[in-house]
Amino acid sequence: MQKKQGSLVNVGLGMTLGAHITPLSRTYIEQADVVFVSASNRLIEQWVESMNPNVISLQSFYAEGKSRRETYREMTESILDEVRGGKTVCGAFYGHPGVFALPPHVTIRKAREEGYRAHMEPGVSAEDCLYADLGIDPGRSGCAHFEASQFMFNHRPFDPSAYLVLWQVGVAGDKSLQVFESTVAQKQLLVDLLLETYPAEHPVTLYECAVLPIEETRADTMALKDLAGQPMTMKTTLVIPPCQNKQKNQTMIEKAAQCAKK
């Protein structure tokens, strides 16, 4: 099918202002007819405006008490309307555009279905910053990632000899998608679930990467039993280190050794 006029690329701005963007993503921003920006800080929007003055902020779609499903639907249609108008459109999302961000995936899928060119460019994500800031090598003991509420509301088997990372812990236990922080009682439900596996005194860390160069990384460690009452936001991540050693699979070790001789 012949591609229609109009295109979309969703790029990552990285996490720290000005430090993490790739040269290619910068070029897409500079050359776009219109740039949609999703960033929690006005300084980030102003930085994007310095690369391209034709900027539309997506933050105005958020509101307390408004379902984020409706917010994401409105964002998606606003972006696609510009693509359908024949424009070269760039969506600039903080971090990685494909990580914990629904509109970048939906807009690309729908644009392609309608015959427009659309793709995604990666960016430095909060996960990348977490590994660097906390000194974690996921290849050493393993690492499992879940969205906190999904972890609570589904049976999600995991390995306590690996790191467990729970994203958006600040809204853990909320199904309404209308609040920016869940209650202490809802977070305590998560703690109670984790206490089925981990000791009450097991150390856990609340992590938030720095968004501005003048900010400091948050890495507050406390006992698991004390977690629920800690201050959290939408960008807070819970990092739980292993509580037991890996268990060797001696049968598989011996089979692998035999295969090496064949």
C-alpha atoms as a PDB file:
ATOM      1  CA  MET A   1       0.000   0.000   0.000  1.00  0.00           C
ATOM      2  CA  GLN A   2       1.337   3.416  -0.940  1.00  0.00           C
ATOM      3  CA  LYS A   3       2.182   5.472   2.120  1.00  0.00           C
ATOM      4  CA  LYS A   4       0.145   8.620   2.690  1.00  0.00           C
ATOM      5  CA  GLN A   5       1.606  12.043   3.245  1.00  0.00           C
ATOM      6  CA  GLY A   6       2.163  12.618   6.931  1.00  0.00           C
ATOM      7  CA  SER A   7       4.413  10.655   9.282  1.00  0.00           C
ATOM      8  CA  LEU A   8       5.062   9.981  12.940  1.00  0.00           C
ATOM      9  CA  VAL A   9       8.148   9.214  14.971  1.00  0.00           C
ATOM     10  CA  ASN A  10       8.055   8.862  18.748  1.00  0.00           C
ATOM     11  CA  VAL A  11      11.431   9.558  20.339  1.00  0.00           C
ATOM     12  CA  GLY A  12      12.918   9.325  23.819  1.00  0.00           C
ATOM     13  CA  LEU A  13      14.215  12.396  25.622  1.00  0.00           C
ATOM     14  CA  GLY A  14      16.036  10.333  28.224  1.00  0.00           C
ATOM     15  CA  MET A  15      15.589  10.916  31.926  1.00  0.00           C
ATOM     16  CA  THR A  16      17.974  13.790  32.773  1.00  0.00           C
ATOM     17  CA  LEU A  17      17.399  17.077  30.980  1.00  0.00           C
ATOM     18  CA  GLY A  18      19.734  17.509  28.010  1.00  0.00           C
ATOM     19  CA  ALA A  19      22.023  14.628  28.980  1.00  0.00           C
ATOM     20  CA  HIS A  20      20.425  11.495  27.550  1.00  0.00           C
ATOM     21  CA  ILE A  21      18.911  12.369  24.180  1.00  0.00           C
ATOM     22  CA  THR A  22      20.438  10.699  21.115  1.00  0.00           C
ATOM     23  CA  PRO A  23      21.631  12.760  18.123  1.00  0.00           C
ATOM     24  CA  LEU A  24      19.063  11.029  15.911  1.00  0.00           C
ATOM     25  CA  SER A  25      16.160  11.847  18.231  1.00  0.00           C
ATOM     26  CA  ARG A  26      17.288  15.472  18.376  1.00  0.00           C
ATOM     27  CA  THR A  27      17.292  15.606  14.584  1.00  0.00           C
ATOM     28  CA  TYR A  28      13.736  14.254  14.395  1.00  0.00           C
ATOM     29  CA  ILE A  29      12.603  16.936  16.853  1.00  0.00           C
ATOM     30  CA  GLU A  30      14.344  19.708  14.946  1.00  0.00           C
ATOM     31  CA  GLN A  31      12.925  18.680  11.559  1.00  0.00           C
ATOM     32  CA  ALA A  32       9.306  17.987  12.594  1.00  0.00           C
ATOM     33  CA  ASP A  33       6.397  20.208  11.587  1.00  0.00           C
ATOM     34  CA  VAL A  34       4.934  19.759  15.057  1.00  0.00           C
ATOM     35  CA  VAL A  35       6.296  18.209  18.249  1.00  0.00           C
ATOM     36  CA  PHE A  36       4.136  16.736  21.008  1.00  0.00           C
ATOM     37  CA  VAL A  37       5.954  16.718  24.345  1.00  0.00           C
ATOM     38  CA  SER A  38       5.209  14.509  27.322  1.00  0.00           C
ATOM     39  CA  ALA A  39       7.304  15.655  30.279  1.00  0.00           C
ATOM     40  CA  SER A  40       6.452  16.266  33.912  1.00  0.00           C
ATOM     41  CA  ASN A  41       8.574  19.415  34.130  1.00  0.00           C
ATOM     42  CA  ARG A  42       8.057  22.720  32.321  1.00  0.00           C
ATOM     43  CA  LEU A  43      11.840  23.155  31.974  1.00  0.00           C
ATOM     44  CA  ILE A  44      11.944  20.032  29.805  1.00  0.00           C
ATOM     45  CA  GLU A  45       9.212  21.437  27.576  1.00  0.00           C
ATOM     46  CA  GLN A  46      11.143  24.700  27.233  1.00  0.00           C
ATOM     47  CA  TRP A  47      14.268  22.754  26.313  1.00  0.00           C
ATOM     48  CA  VAL A  48      12.362  20.965  23.541  1.00  0.00           C
ATOM     49  CA  GLU A  49      10.994  24.339  22.383  1.00  0.00           C
ATOM     50  CA  SER A  50      14.588  25.522  21.967  1.00  0.00           C
ATOM     51  CA  MET A  51      14.981  22.786  19.326  1.00  0.00           C
ATOM     52  CA  ASN A  52      11.616  23.366  17.652  1.00  0.00           C
ATOM     53  CA  PRO A  53       9.160  26.179  18.520  1.00  0.00           C
ATOM     54  CA  ASN A  54       6.134  24.235  17.223  1.00  0.00           C
ATOM     55  CA  VAL A  55       5.514  22.350  20.460  1.00  0.00           C
ATOM     56  CA  ILE A  56       2.258  21.034  21.924  1.00  0.00           C
ATOM     57  CA  SER A  57       2.341  19.905  25.553  1.00  0.00           C
ATOM     58  CA  LEU A  58       0.542  16.670  26.410  1.00  0.00           C
ATOM     59  CA  GLN A  59       0.482  17.481  30.136  1.00  0.00           C
ATOM     60  CA  SER A  60      -2.719  19.486  29.763  1.00  0.00           C
ATOM     61  CA  PHE A  61      -4.635  16.241  29.166  1.00  0.00           C
ATOM     62  CA  TYR A  62      -3.982  15.067  32.742  1.00  0.00           C
ATOM     63  CA  ALA A  63      -6.327  16.021  35.595  1.00  0.00           C
ATOM     64  CA  GLU A  64      -6.970  14.774  39.125  1.00  0.00           C
ATOM     65  CA  GLY A  65     -10.038  12.546  39.108  1.00  0.00           C
ATOM     66  CA  LYS A  66      -9.894  12.030  35.341  1.00  0.00           C
ATOM     67  CA  SER A  67      -9.292   8.496  34.134  1.00  0.00           C
ATOM     68  CA  ARG A  68      -5.900   8.081  32.523  1.00  0.00           C
ATOM     69  CA  ARG A  69      -7.614   5.886  29.928  1.00  0.00           C
ATOM     70  CA  GLU A  70      -9.468   8.992  28.714  1.00  0.00           C
ATOM     71  CA  THR A  71      -6.274  11.046  28.942  1.00  0.00           C
ATOM     72  CA  TYR A  72      -4.388   8.577  26.755  1.00  0.00           C
ATOM     73  CA  ARG A  73      -7.255   8.388  24.251  1.00  0.00           C
ATOM     74  CA  GLU A  74      -7.269  12.178  23.884  1.00  0.00           C
ATOM     75  CA  MET A  75      -3.484  12.273  23.518  1.00  0.00           C
ATOM     76  CA  THR A  76      -3.607   9.610  20.827  1.00  0.00           C
ATOM     77  CA  GLU A  77      -6.260  11.383  18.777  1.00  0.00           C
ATOM     78  CA  SER A  78      -4.526  14.742  19.072  1.00  0.00           C
ATOM     79  CA  ILE A  79      -1.287  13.300  17.717  1.00  0.00           C
ATOM     80  CA  LEU A  80      -2.984  11.344  14.939  1.00  0.00           C
ATOM     81  CA  ASP A  81      -5.020  14.370  13.832  1.00  0.00           C
ATOM     82  CA  GLU A  82      -1.766  16.137  12.932  1.00  0.00           C
ATOM     83  CA  VAL A  83      -0.466  13.078  11.085  1.00  0.00           C
ATOM     84  CA  ARG A  84      -3.728  12.825   9.148  1.00  0.00           C
ATOM     85  CA  GLY A  85      -3.277  16.482   8.248  1.00  0.00           C
ATOM     86  CA  GLY A  86      -0.159  15.542   6.281  1.00  0.00           C
ATOM     87  CA  LYS A  87       2.391  16.828   8.785  1.00  0.00           C
ATOM     88  CA  THR A  88       5.701  15.388   9.886  1.00  0.00           C
ATOM     89  CA  VAL A  89       4.948  14.727  13.540  1.00  0.00           C
ATOM     90  CA  CYS A  90       7.316  13.912  16.376  1.00  0.00           C
ATOM     91  CA  GLY A  91       6.236  12.697  19.794  1.00  0.00           C
ATOM     92  CA  ALA A  92       8.904  13.469  22.380  1.00  0.00           C
ATOM     93  CA  PHE A  93       8.485  11.411  25.555  1.00  0.00           C
ATOM     94  CA  TYR A  94      10.716  11.557  28.598  1.00  0.00           C
ATOM     95  CA  GLY A  95      12.777   8.450  29.172  1.00  0.00           C
ATOM     96  CA  HIS A  96      12.169   5.707  26.613  1.00  0.00           C
ATOM     97  CA  PRO A  97       8.966   6.252  24.591  1.00  0.00           C
ATOM     98  CA  GLY A  98       8.061   2.582  24.729  1.00  0.00           C
ATOM     99  CA  VAL A  99       8.495   2.042  28.475  1.00  0.00           C
ATOM    100  CA  PHE A 100       5.450   2.652  30.695  1.00  0.00           C
ATOM    101  CA  ALA A 101       3.942   4.860  28.025  1.00  0.00           C
ATOM    102  CA  LEU A 102       0.787   3.778  26.191  1.00  0.00           C
ATOM    103  CA  PRO A 103       0.204   6.560  23.589  1.00  0.00           C
ATOM    104  CA  PRO A 104       3.541   6.047  21.773  1.00  0.00           C
ATOM    105  CA  HIS A 105       2.670   2.414  21.032  1.00  0.00           C
ATOM    106  CA  VAL A 106      -0.964   3.096  20.158  1.00  0.00           C
ATOM    107  CA  THR A 107      -0.259   6.072  17.876  1.00  0.00           C
ATOM    108  CA  ILE A 108       2.369   4.143  15.929  1.00  0.00           C
ATOM    109  CA  ARG A 109       0.101   1.128  15.516  1.00  0.00           C
ATOM    110  CA  LYS A 110      -2.880   3.187  14.393  1.00  0.00           C
ATOM    111  CA  ALA A 111      -0.822   5.379  12.074  1.00  0.00           C
ATOM    112  CA  ARG A 112       0.562   2.298  10.329  1.00  0.00           C
ATOM    113  CA  GLU A 113      -2.915   0.780  10.052  1.00  0.00           C
ATOM    114  CA  GLU A 114      -4.077   3.969   8.326  1.00  0.00           C
ATOM    115  CA  GLY A 115      -1.178   3.884   5.859  1.00  0.00           C
ATOM    116  CA  TYR A 116       1.232   6.407   7.388  1.00  0.00           C
ATOM    117  CA  ARG A 117       4.937   5.963   8.076  1.00  0.00           C
ATOM    118  CA  ALA A 118       5.503   5.586  11.809  1.00  0.00           C
ATOM    119  CA  HIS A 119       8.260   4.257  14.034  1.00  0.00           C
ATOM    120  CA  MET A 120       9.916   4.628  17.437  1.00  0.00           C
ATOM    121  CA  GLU A 121      13.399   5.743  18.484  1.00  0.00           C
ATOM    122  CA  PRO A 122      14.686   4.575  21.881  1.00  0.00           C
ATOM    123  CA  GLY A 123      15.864   6.698  24.754  1.00  0.00           C
ATOM    124  CA  VAL A 124      17.581   6.255  28.101  1.00  0.00           C
ATOM    125  CA  SER A 125      14.909   4.899  30.445  1.00  0.00           C
ATOM    126  CA  ALA A 126      14.450   4.967  34.210  1.00  0.00           C
ATOM    127  CA  GLU A 127      15.475   1.313  34.208  1.00  0.00           C
ATOM    128  CA  ASP A 128      18.833   2.206  32.645  1.00  0.00           C
ATOM    129  CA  CYS A 129      19.370   4.915  35.261  1.00  0.00           C
ATOM    130  CA  LEU A 130      18.350   2.546  38.055  1.00  0.00           C
ATOM    131  CA  TYR A 131      21.060   0.043  37.152  1.00  0.00           C
ATOM    132  CA  ALA A 132      23.685   2.793  37.068  1.00  0.00           C
ATOM    133  CA  ASP A 133      22.580   4.675  40.192  1.00  0.00           C
ATOM    134  CA  LEU A 134      22.072   1.615  42.404  1.00  0.00           C
ATOM    135  CA  GLY A 135      25.013  -0.384  41.031  1.00  0.00           C
ATOM    136  CA  ILE A 136      22.903  -3.334  39.943  1.00  0.00           C
ATOM    137  CA  ASP A 137      23.998  -5.763  37.238  1.00  0.00           C
ATOM    138  CA  PRO A 138      20.841  -7.647  36.163  1.00  0.00           C
ATOM    139  CA  GLY A 139      22.998 -10.347  34.616  1.00  0.00           C
ATOM    140  CA  ARG A 140      24.507 -11.333  37.962  1.00  0.00           C
ATOM    141  CA  SER A 141      21.491 -12.522  39.927  1.00  0.00           C
ATOM    142  CA  GLY A 142      18.652 -11.805  37.528  1.00  0.00           C
ATOM    143  CA  CYS A 143      15.967  -9.146  37.692  1.00  0.00           C
ATOM    144  CA  ALA A 144      12.173  -9.303  37.367  1.00  0.00           C
ATOM    145  CA  HIS A 145      10.118  -6.181  36.563  1.00  0.00           C
ATOM    146  CA  PHE A 146       6.394  -5.660  37.155  1.00  0.00           C
ATOM    147  CA  GLU A 147       4.022  -2.740  37.380  1.00  0.00           C
ATOM    148  CA  ALA A 148       3.104  -2.672  41.073  1.00  0.00           C
ATOM    149  CA  SER A 149      -0.680  -2.937  40.756  1.00  0.00           C
ATOM    150  CA  GLN A 150      -0.445  -5.644  38.102  1.00  0.00           C
ATOM    151  CA  PHE A 151       1.839  -7.537  40.461  1.00  0.00           C
ATOM    152  CA  MET A 152      -0.804  -7.260  43.181  1.00  0.00           C
ATOM    153  CA  PHE A 153      -3.868  -8.085  41.087  1.00  0.00           C
ATOM    154  CA  ASN A 154      -2.451 -11.094  39.254  1.00  0.00           C
ATOM    155  CA  HIS A 155      -0.665 -14.260  40.311  1.00  0.00           C
ATOM    156  CA  ARG A 156       2.875 -13.410  39.163  1.00  0.00           C
ATOM    157  CA  PRO A 157       5.410 -16.078  40.161  1.00  0.00           C
ATOM    158  CA  PHE A 158       8.883 -14.640  40.728  1.00  0.00           C
ATOM    159  CA  ASP A 159      12.267 -15.772  41.979  1.00  0.00           C
ATOM    160  CA  PRO A 160      13.326 -14.291  45.361  1.00  0.00           C
ATOM    161  CA  SER A 161      16.950 -15.081  44.538  1.00  0.00           C
ATOM    162  CA  ALA A 162      16.739 -12.315  41.887  1.00  0.00           C
ATOM    163  CA  TYR A 163      16.000  -8.611  42.176  1.00  0.00           C
ATOM    164  CA  LEU A 164      12.324  -7.672  42.120  1.00  0.00           C
ATOM    165  CA  VAL A 165      11.557  -4.218  40.695  1.00  0.00           C
ATOM    166  CA  LEU A 166       8.031  -2.824  41.053  1.00  0.00           C
ATOM    167  CA  TRP A 167       7.244   0.267  38.985  1.00  0.00           C
ATOM    168  CA  GLN A 168       4.702   2.979  39.840  1.00  0.00           C
ATOM    169  CA  VAL A 169       4.584   1.829  43.440  1.00  0.00           C
ATOM    170  CA  GLY A 170       3.141   5.221  44.398  1.00  0.00           C
ATOM    171  CA  VAL A 171      -0.209   4.146  42.944  1.00  0.00           C
ATOM    172  CA  ALA A 172       0.015   0.510  44.026  1.00  0.00           C
ATOM    173  CA  GLY A 173      -3.421  -0.976  44.605  1.00  0.00           C
ATOM    174  CA  ASP A 174      -5.351   1.585  42.556  1.00  0.00           C
ATOM    175  CA  LYS A 175      -7.599   0.346  39.741  1.00  0.00           C
ATOM    176  CA  SER A 176      -9.423   3.599  39.038  1.00  0.00           C
ATOM    177  CA  LEU A 177      -6.551   5.224  37.098  1.00  0.00           C
ATOM    178  CA  GLN A 178      -7.889   8.518  38.464  1.00  0.00           C
ATOM    179  CA  VAL A 179      -5.446   9.282  41.286  1.00  0.00           C
ATOM    180  CA  PHE A 180      -1.776  10.236  41.405  1.00  0.00           C
ATOM    181  CA  GLU A 181      -1.131   8.366  44.668  1.00  0.00           C
ATOM    182  CA  SER A 182      -2.888   5.438  46.303  1.00  0.00           C
ATOM    183  CA  THR A 183      -3.714   5.265  50.012  1.00  0.00           C
ATOM    184  CA  VAL A 184      -1.405   3.945  52.706  1.00  0.00           C
ATOM    185  CA  ALA A 185      -3.878   1.098  53.236  1.00  0.00           C
ATOM    186  CA  GLN A 186      -3.619   0.130  49.554  1.00  0.00           C
ATOM    187  CA  LYS A 187       0.179   0.168  49.741  1.00  0.00           C
ATOM    188  CA  GLN A 188       0.014  -1.931  52.894  1.00  0.00           C
ATOM    189  CA  LEU A 189      -1.767  -4.618  50.872  1.00  0.00           C
ATOM    190  CA  LEU A 190       1.335  -4.748  48.662  1.00  0.00           C
ATOM    191  CA  VAL A 191       3.574  -4.959  51.719  1.00  0.00           C
ATOM    192  CA  ASP A 192       1.499  -7.792  53.138  1.00  0.00           C
ATOM    193  CA  LEU A 193       1.777  -9.660  49.846  1.00  0.00           C
ATOM    194  CA  LEU A 194       5.559  -9.216  49.795  1.00  0.00           C
ATOM    195  CA  LEU A 195       5.838 -10.341  53.428  1.00  0.00           C
ATOM    196  CA  GLU A 196       4.650 -13.755  52.284  1.00  0.00           C
ATOM    197  CA  THR A 197       8.077 -14.116  50.643  1.00  0.00           C
ATOM    198  CA  TYR A 198      10.458 -11.648  52.291  1.00  0.00           C
ATOM    199  CA  PRO A 199      11.381 -11.118  55.969  1.00  0.00           C
ATOM    200  CA  ALA A 200       9.847  -8.054  57.634  1.00  0.00           C
ATOM    201  CA  GLU A 201      13.311  -6.529  58.151  1.00  0.00           C
ATOM    202  CA  HIS A 202      14.420  -7.164  54.568  1.00  0.00           C
ATOM    203  CA  PRO A 203      15.910  -3.930  53.135  1.00  0.00           C
ATOM    204  CA  VAL A 204      14.092  -2.369  50.180  1.00  0.00           C
ATOM    205  CA  THR A 205      14.830   0.827  48.270  1.00  0.00           C
ATOM    206  CA  LEU A 206      12.557   3.542  46.925  1.00  0.00           C
ATOM    207  CA  TYR A 207      14.211   4.924  43.813  1.00  0.00           C
ATOM    208  CA  GLU A 208      13.646   8.044  41.708  1.00  0.00           C
ATOM    209  CA  CYS A 209      16.180   9.083  39.082  1.00  0.00           C
ATOM    210  CA  ALA A 210      17.202  12.718  38.683  1.00  0.00           C
ATOM    211  CA  VAL A 211      15.274  14.570  35.973  1.00  0.00           C
ATOM    212  CA  LEU A 212      17.114  17.891  36.195  1.00  0.00           C
ATOM    213  CA  PRO A 213      20.923  18.255  36.462  1.00  0.00           C
ATOM    214  CA  ILE A 214      20.434  20.094  39.774  1.00  0.00           C
ATOM    215  CA  GLU A 215      18.384  17.253  41.272  1.00  0.00           C
ATOM    216  CA  GLU A 216      19.733  14.360  43.291  1.00  0.00           C
ATOM    217  CA  THR A 217      18.809  10.735  42.785  1.00  0.00           C
ATOM    218  CA  ARG A 218      16.476   9.362  45.432  1.00  0.00           C
ATOM    219  CA  ALA A 219      17.586   6.045  46.898  1.00  0.00           C
ATOM    220  CA  ASP A 220      15.938   5.647  50.303  1.00  0.00           C
ATOM    221  CA  THR A 221      16.380   2.269  51.961  1.00  0.00           C
ATOM    222  CA  MET A 222      14.146   0.981  54.743  1.00  0.00           C
ATOM    223  CA  ALA A 223      12.816  -2.283  56.155  1.00  0.00           C
ATOM    224  CA  LEU A 224      10.016  -3.812  54.102  1.00  0.00           C
ATOM    225  CA  LYS A 225       7.625  -3.586  57.062  1.00  0.00           C
ATOM    226  CA  ASP A 226       8.029   0.206  57.103  1.00  0.00           C
ATOM    227  CA  LEU A 227       7.382   0.735  53.378  1.00  0.00           C
ATOM    228  CA  ALA A 228       3.680   1.632  53.162  1.00  0.00           C
ATOM    229  CA  GLY A 229       3.908   4.981  54.981  1.00  0.00           C
ATOM    230  CA  GLN A 230       6.873   6.329  53.007  1.00  0.00           C
ATOM    231  CA  PRO A 231       6.347   9.310  50.651  1.00  0.00           C
ATOM    232  CA  MET A 232       5.964   8.222  47.027  1.00  0.00           C
ATOM    233  CA  THR A 233       4.995   9.723  43.688  1.00  0.00           C
ATOM    234  CA  MET A 234       4.009   8.418  40.264  1.00  0.00           C
ATOM    235  CA  LYS A 235       7.697   8.072  39.357  1.00  0.00           C
ATOM    236  CA  THR A 236       8.776   6.138  42.481  1.00  0.00           C
ATOM    237  CA  THR A 237      10.121   2.635  41.889  1.00  0.00           C
ATOM    238  CA  LEU A 238      10.502  -0.092  44.518  1.00  0.00           C
ATOM    239  CA  VAL A 239      13.663  -2.173  44.316  1.00  0.00           C
ATOM    240  CA  ILE A 240      13.855  -5.377  46.355  1.00  0.00           C
ATOM    241  CA  PRO A 241      17.193  -7.230  46.462  1.00  0.00           C
ATOM    242  CA  PRO A 242      17.372 -11.029  46.643  1.00  0.00           C
ATOM    243  CA  CYS A 243      16.543 -12.632  49.970  1.00  0.00           C
ATOM    244  CA  GLN A 244      18.045 -16.031  49.218  1.00  0.00           C
ATOM    245  CA  ASN A 245      20.850 -17.595  47.215  1.00  0.00           C
ATOM    246  CA  LYS A 246      20.412 -19.114  43.776  1.00  0.00           C
ATOM    247  CA  GLN A 247      19.755 -22.853  43.801  1.00  0.00           C
ATOM    248  CA  LYS A 248      22.027 -24.800  41.482  1.00  0.00           C
ATOM    249  CA  ASN A 249      20.421 -27.170  38.992  1.00  0.00           C
ATOM    250  CA  GLN A 250      23.068 -29.878  39.220  1.00  0.00           C
ATOM    251  CA  THR A 251      21.234 -32.131  36.752  1.00  0.00           C
ATOM    252  CA  MET A 252      21.342 -29.462  34.080  1.00  0.00           C
ATOM    253  CA  ILE A 253      24.989 -28.696  34.846  1.00  0.00           C
ATOM    254  CA  GLU A 254      25.907 -32.322  34.273  1.00  0.00           C
ATOM    255  CA  LYS A 255      23.829 -32.544  31.076  1.00  0.00           C
ATOM    256  CA  ALA A 256      25.504 -29.408  29.702  1.00  0.00           C
ATOM    257  CA  ALA A 257      28.901 -30.883  30.464  1.00  0.00           C
ATOM    258  CA  GLN A 258      28.008 -34.078  28.607  1.00  0.00           C
ATOM    259  CA  CYS A 259      26.753 -32.078  25.594  1.00  0.00           C
ATOM    260  CA  ALA A 260      30.044 -30.214  25.455  1.00  0.00           C
ATOM    261  CA  LYS A 261      31.849 -33.517  24.877  1.00  0.00           C
ATOM    262  CA  LYS A 262      29.711 -34.502  21.866  1.00  0.00           C
END
